[in-house]
Amino acid sequence: MMSNAKERFKILLEGINGKLDLLIEAQKTLNTKMDNRFQEMEKKFNEKTAIMKKELFL
């Protein structure tokens, strides 16, 4: 049988583990959102660059 202190420590570690899991999931979501945003910005930049090149070399 576990001592009271060991049991409380185990419960504390389980709570920390759960919070770390949430933090990891949030980080993955943030990375995905940032990647998507970067791709959108890159696409717009390339479109604007193509328009500018076309206008300059007419």
C-alpha atoms as a PDB file:
ATOM      1  CA  MET A   1       0.000   0.000   0.000  1.00  0.00           C
ATOM      2  CA  MET A   2       1.299   3.454  -0.922  1.00  0.00           C
ATOM      3  CA  SER A   3       1.924   6.044   1.696  1.00  0.00           C
ATOM      4  CA  ASN A   4      -0.262   9.120   1.718  1.00  0.00           C
ATOM      5  CA  ALA A   5       2.606  11.318   0.480  1.00  0.00           C
ATOM      6  CA  LYS A   6       3.361   8.945  -2.411  1.00  0.00           C
ATOM      7  CA  GLU A   7      -0.304   8.846  -3.400  1.00  0.00           C
ATOM      8  CA  ARG A   8      -0.545  12.657  -3.404  1.00  0.00           C
ATOM      9  CA  PHE A   9       2.662  12.887  -5.415  1.00  0.00           C
ATOM     10  CA  LYS A  10       1.300  10.389  -7.949  1.00  0.00           C
ATOM     11  CA  ILE A  11      -1.914  12.410  -8.291  1.00  0.00           C
ATOM     12  CA  LEU A  12       0.125  15.602  -8.695  1.00  0.00           C
ATOM     13  CA  LEU A  13       2.229  14.026 -11.444  1.00  0.00           C
ATOM     14  CA  GLU A  14      -0.885  12.807 -13.257  1.00  0.00           C
ATOM     15  CA  GLY A  15      -2.234  16.358 -13.202  1.00  0.00           C
ATOM     16  CA  ILE A  16       1.024  17.764 -14.546  1.00  0.00           C
ATOM     17  CA  ASN A  17       1.077  15.095 -17.248  1.00  0.00           C
ATOM     18  CA  GLY A  18      -2.449  16.047 -18.323  1.00  0.00           C
ATOM     19  CA  LYS A  19      -1.515  19.715 -18.506  1.00  0.00           C
ATOM     20  CA  LEU A  20       1.590  18.919 -20.541  1.00  0.00           C
ATOM     21  CA  ASP A  21      -0.555  16.920 -22.967  1.00  0.00           C
ATOM     22  CA  LEU A  22      -2.830  19.949 -23.391  1.00  0.00           C
ATOM     23  CA  LEU A  23       0.158  22.220 -23.906  1.00  0.00           C
ATOM     24  CA  ILE A  24       1.632  19.908 -26.550  1.00  0.00           C
ATOM     25  CA  GLU A  25      -1.701  19.733 -28.381  1.00  0.00           C
ATOM     26  CA  ALA A  26      -2.046  23.524 -28.283  1.00  0.00           C
ATOM     27  CA  GLN A  27       1.477  23.913 -29.667  1.00  0.00           C
ATOM     28  CA  LYS A  28       0.695  21.541 -32.547  1.00  0.00           C
ATOM     29  CA  THR A  29      -2.453  23.528 -33.341  1.00  0.00           C
ATOM     30  CA  LEU A  30      -0.558  26.810 -33.235  1.00  0.00           C
ATOM     31  CA  ASN A  31       2.152  25.438 -35.532  1.00  0.00           C
ATOM     32  CA  THR A  32      -0.479  24.301 -38.020  1.00  0.00           C
ATOM     33  CA  LYS A  33      -2.193  27.690 -37.967  1.00  0.00           C
ATOM     34  CA  MET A  34       1.110  29.508 -38.430  1.00  0.00           C
ATOM     35  CA  ASP A  35       2.114  27.223 -41.306  1.00  0.00           C
ATOM     36  CA  ASN A  36      -1.219  27.829 -43.019  1.00  0.00           C
ATOM     37  CA  ARG A  37      -0.948  31.577 -42.543  1.00  0.00           C
ATOM     38  CA  PHE A  38       2.600  31.599 -43.914  1.00  0.00           C
ATOM     39  CA  GLN A  39       1.473  29.666 -46.992  1.00  0.00           C
ATOM     40  CA  GLU A  40      -1.364  32.150 -47.563  1.00  0.00           C
ATOM     41  CA  MET A  41       1.020  35.096 -47.251  1.00  0.00           C
ATOM     42  CA  GLU A  42       3.546  33.469 -49.577  1.00  0.00           C
ATOM     43  CA  LYS A  43       0.833  32.841 -52.178  1.00  0.00           C
ATOM     44  CA  LYS A  44      -0.328  36.468 -52.028  1.00  0.00           C
ATOM     45  CA  PHE A  45       3.255  37.707 -52.242  1.00  0.00           C
ATOM     46  CA  ASN A  46       3.912  35.555 -55.311  1.00  0.00           C
ATOM     47  CA  GLU A  47       0.698  36.769 -56.941  1.00  0.00           C
ATOM     48  CA  LYS A  48       1.581  40.428 -56.307  1.00  0.00           C
ATOM     49  CA  THR A  49       5.140  39.873 -57.527  1.00  0.00           C
ATOM     50  CA  ALA A  50       3.854  38.300 -60.741  1.00  0.00           C
ATOM     51  CA  ILE A  51       1.531  41.264 -61.325  1.00  0.00           C
ATOM     52  CA  MET A  52       4.346  43.738 -60.729  1.00  0.00           C
ATOM     53  CA  LYS A  53       6.704  41.888 -63.094  1.00  0.00           C
ATOM     54  CA  LYS A  54       4.032  41.756 -65.757  1.00  0.00           C
ATOM     55  CA  GLU A  55       3.352  45.495 -65.468  1.00  0.00           C
ATOM     56  CA  LEU A  56       7.044  46.388 -65.486  1.00  0.00           C
ATOM     57  CA  PHE A  57       7.899  44.361 -68.570  1.00  0.00           C
ATOM     58  CA  LEU A  58       4.947  45.234 -70.811  1.00  0.00           C
END
